[in-house]
Amino acid sequence: MPKNLILESRFTSHQKIHITLSIGAPFIITIFFLLRMDLNSKGYLILLIFILIYTSMVCLAFTKRGLLKQNSDLYRGLFFMNKLILKKKINLSDKTKVAILKFKRNQKMAWFSAAQPDMALEFNAFDVTLLNNKHTQKEMLVSLSNETICKTTIEYLESEFNLKHEIYSPDFS
């Protein structure tokens, strides 16, 4: 039986707005243009295609990332409304430890203003990283923005996959 751990939204609010409005604008305009016309069967087919593409974009904007255990394998998953859409198997061979690496990151905003034309949002990112015994090989599993969710993820990995949480300290000897 698969066990899911749905973590957090894949996109920020700013990114969701851009996906649904900025990138989706040509689709919205075309849909409204087609609705105002007297359509034949080809026109209705084109309208349906544009509606499906725009609906897919909105669904993509509201996806969440997470982890999935199926049999004894770990998967990174993409979820929409708590339903698994995509999954990618994570190789756990030689990975016995897990750590949280904290980084300061910033994201450029796409809006312009006269006061701050180069506005950027600074935030902390917490990368849940798989490690080998000596911490010399690392593989980022998932990057999260909330430390509490990171701790929940670590507990899930420890209980489901027998990984041990350690502070990242590579031993190159």
Protein backbone atom coordinates (compact mmCIF):
# COMPACT_ATOMS: atom_id res chain seq x y z
CA MET A 1 0.00 0.00 0.00
CA PRO A 2 1.53 3.35 -0.98
CA LYS A 3 2.14 5.88 1.77
CA ASN A 4 2.18 9.52 0.66
CA LEU A 5 3.67 12.55 2.34
CA ILE A 6 2.41 15.66 0.57
CA LEU A 7 4.70 18.51 1.50
CA GLU A 8 4.01 21.94 0.04
CA SER A 9 2.97 23.78 -3.06
CA ARG A 10 5.33 23.49 -5.98
CA PHE A 11 4.98 27.18 -6.90
CA THR A 12 4.85 30.42 -4.93
CA SER A 13 1.80 32.68 -5.15
CA HIS A 14 3.71 34.98 -7.50
CA GLN A 15 4.54 32.08 -9.81
CA LYS A 16 0.92 30.85 -9.74
CA ILE A 17 -0.27 34.27 -10.86
CA HIS A 18 2.19 34.25 -13.75
CA ILE A 19 1.27 30.76 -14.88
CA THR A 20 -2.48 31.37 -14.78
CA LEU A 21 -2.59 34.97 -16.02
CA SER A 22 0.57 35.94 -17.87
CA ILE A 23 1.27 32.67 -19.64
CA GLY A 24 -2.43 31.80 -19.79
CA ALA A 25 -3.52 35.18 -21.20
CA PRO A 26 -3.34 34.13 -24.87
CA PHE A 27 -5.49 31.10 -24.06
CA ILE A 28 -8.04 33.18 -22.12
CA ILE A 29 -8.25 35.76 -24.91
CA THR A 30 -8.66 33.06 -27.55
CA ILE A 31 -11.35 31.30 -25.51
CA PHE A 32 -13.36 34.53 -25.10
CA PHE A 33 -12.86 35.39 -28.78
CA LEU A 34 -14.12 31.95 -29.83
CA LEU A 35 -17.12 32.16 -27.48
CA ARG A 36 -18.29 35.35 -29.21
CA MET A 37 -18.23 33.71 -32.65
CA ASP A 38 -20.78 31.52 -34.39
CA LEU A 39 -18.85 28.23 -34.31
CA ASN A 40 -19.08 25.11 -36.42
CA SER A 41 -17.81 21.68 -35.32
CA LYS A 42 -14.15 22.60 -35.98
CA GLY A 43 -14.57 25.79 -33.97
CA TYR A 44 -16.00 23.87 -31.01
CA LEU A 45 -13.12 21.41 -31.22
CA ILE A 46 -10.57 24.25 -31.17
CA LEU A 47 -12.45 25.88 -28.26
CA LEU A 48 -12.37 22.59 -26.35
CA ILE A 49 -8.62 22.22 -26.97
CA PHE A 50 -7.91 25.74 -25.69
CA ILE A 51 -10.08 25.18 -22.61
CA LEU A 52 -8.28 21.89 -21.86
CA ILE A 53 -4.84 23.50 -22.26
CA TYR A 54 -5.75 26.40 -19.98
CA THR A 55 -7.31 24.04 -17.42
CA SER A 56 -4.11 21.97 -17.46
CA MET A 57 -2.06 25.12 -16.82
CA VAL A 58 -4.22 26.04 -13.84
CA CYS A 59 -3.94 22.49 -12.48
CA LEU A 60 -0.15 22.61 -12.92
CA ALA A 61 0.00 25.89 -11.00
CA PHE A 62 -1.71 24.31 -8.00
CA THR A 63 0.30 21.08 -7.82
CA LYS A 64 2.14 20.07 -4.67
CA ARG A 65 5.35 18.14 -4.26
CA GLY A 66 5.74 15.23 -1.95
CA LEU A 67 7.24 11.84 -1.22
CA LEU A 68 5.77 8.43 -1.80
CA LYS A 69 6.60 4.98 -0.50
CA GLN A 70 5.60 2.14 -2.79
CA ASN A 71 6.68 -1.34 -1.75
CA SER A 72 10.06 -0.43 -0.21
CA ASP A 73 11.00 2.20 -2.80
CA LEU A 74 11.11 5.97 -2.33
CA TYR A 75 9.60 8.21 -4.98
CA ARG A 76 9.48 11.97 -5.39
CA GLY A 77 5.91 12.77 -6.39
CA LEU A 78 3.84 15.52 -7.92
CA PHE A 79 0.30 15.71 -6.52
CA PHE A 80 -2.87 17.54 -7.51
CA MET A 81 -5.78 17.48 -5.07
CA ASN A 82 -4.03 14.70 -3.12
CA LYS A 83 -3.84 12.51 -6.24
CA LEU A 84 -0.48 11.37 -7.58
CA ILE A 85 0.20 12.70 -11.07
CA LEU A 86 3.89 11.94 -11.63
CA LYS A 87 6.52 10.06 -9.67
CA LYS A 88 10.26 9.57 -9.96
CA LYS A 89 12.13 6.79 -8.19
CA ILE A 90 14.93 7.85 -5.85
CA ASN A 91 17.91 5.52 -5.63
CA LEU A 92 18.67 4.84 -1.95
CA SER A 93 21.65 2.53 -2.51
CA ASP A 94 24.67 3.92 -0.65
CA LYS A 95 22.41 6.52 0.99
CA THR A 96 22.05 5.83 4.69
CA LYS A 97 21.86 9.34 6.16
CA VAL A 98 19.68 12.38 5.67
CA ALA A 99 20.39 16.01 6.52
CA ILE A 100 18.76 19.41 6.26
CA LEU A 101 20.90 22.02 4.53
CA LYS A 102 19.78 25.62 5.03
CA PHE A 103 20.42 28.21 2.33
CA LYS A 104 19.61 31.87 1.86
CA ARG A 105 18.04 32.29 -1.55
CA ASN A 106 16.40 35.09 -3.43
CA GLN A 107 13.91 35.16 -6.22
CA LYS A 108 13.58 37.98 -8.70
CA MET A 109 10.09 39.32 -9.00
CA ALA A 110 8.63 39.91 -12.45
CA TRP A 111 6.86 43.13 -11.53
CA PHE A 112 8.35 46.53 -12.27
CA SER A 113 8.13 49.68 -10.20
CA ALA A 114 9.80 53.07 -10.41
CA ALA A 115 11.04 52.76 -6.83
CA GLN A 116 12.58 49.27 -7.02
CA PRO A 117 13.02 48.04 -10.58
CA ASP A 118 15.24 45.14 -9.44
CA MET A 119 13.07 43.87 -6.61
CA ALA A 120 13.89 40.43 -5.23
CA LEU A 121 12.37 38.34 -2.47
CA GLU A 122 14.87 36.84 -0.03
CA PHE A 123 13.93 33.64 1.80
CA ASN A 124 15.39 30.60 3.54
CA ALA A 125 15.35 27.29 1.71
CA PHE A 126 15.74 23.99 3.49
CA ASP A 127 17.11 21.21 1.30
CA VAL A 128 16.41 17.69 2.55
CA THR A 129 19.51 15.87 1.31
CA LEU A 130 20.40 12.19 1.17
CA LEU A 131 23.99 11.36 2.18
CA ASN A 132 26.33 8.40 2.17
CA ASN A 133 28.07 7.25 5.39
CA LYS A 134 30.96 9.73 5.11
CA HIS A 135 28.75 12.58 3.81
CA THR A 136 30.98 12.88 0.74
CA GLN A 137 28.16 12.14 -1.71
CA LYS A 138 24.94 14.05 -1.43
CA GLU A 139 21.72 14.12 -3.39
CA MET A 140 19.09 16.77 -2.81
CA LEU A 141 15.75 15.07 -2.31
CA VAL A 142 13.45 18.08 -1.99
CA SER A 143 13.83 21.79 -1.28
CA LEU A 144 11.27 23.26 1.12
CA SER A 145 10.50 26.70 2.45
CA ASN A 146 9.18 25.70 5.86
CA GLU A 147 11.40 24.22 8.57
CA THR A 148 8.48 22.49 10.31
CA ILE A 149 7.62 20.60 7.13
CA CYS A 150 11.32 19.67 6.86
CA LYS A 151 11.23 18.07 10.29
CA THR A 152 8.09 16.13 9.34
CA THR A 153 9.89 14.96 6.17
CA ILE A 154 12.90 13.80 8.21
CA GLU A 155 10.64 11.86 10.58
CA TYR A 156 8.92 10.23 7.59
CA LEU A 157 12.26 9.22 6.04
CA GLU A 158 13.59 7.88 9.35
CA SER A 159 10.50 5.79 10.06
CA GLU A 160 9.76 4.52 6.54
CA PHE A 161 13.25 4.06 5.08
CA ASN A 162 15.53 3.62 8.11
CA LEU A 163 17.59 6.67 7.20
CA LYS A 164 19.43 8.38 10.04
CA HIS A 165 19.22 12.15 10.47
CA GLU A 166 22.65 13.74 10.95
CA ILE A 167 24.19 17.18 10.72
CA TYR A 168 26.05 17.53 7.43
CA SER A 169 29.77 17.10 8.13
CA PRO A 170 31.78 15.52 5.30
CA ASP A 171 34.71 13.25 6.16
CA PHE A 172 37.23 13.30 3.29
CA SER A 173 39.84 11.16 5.04
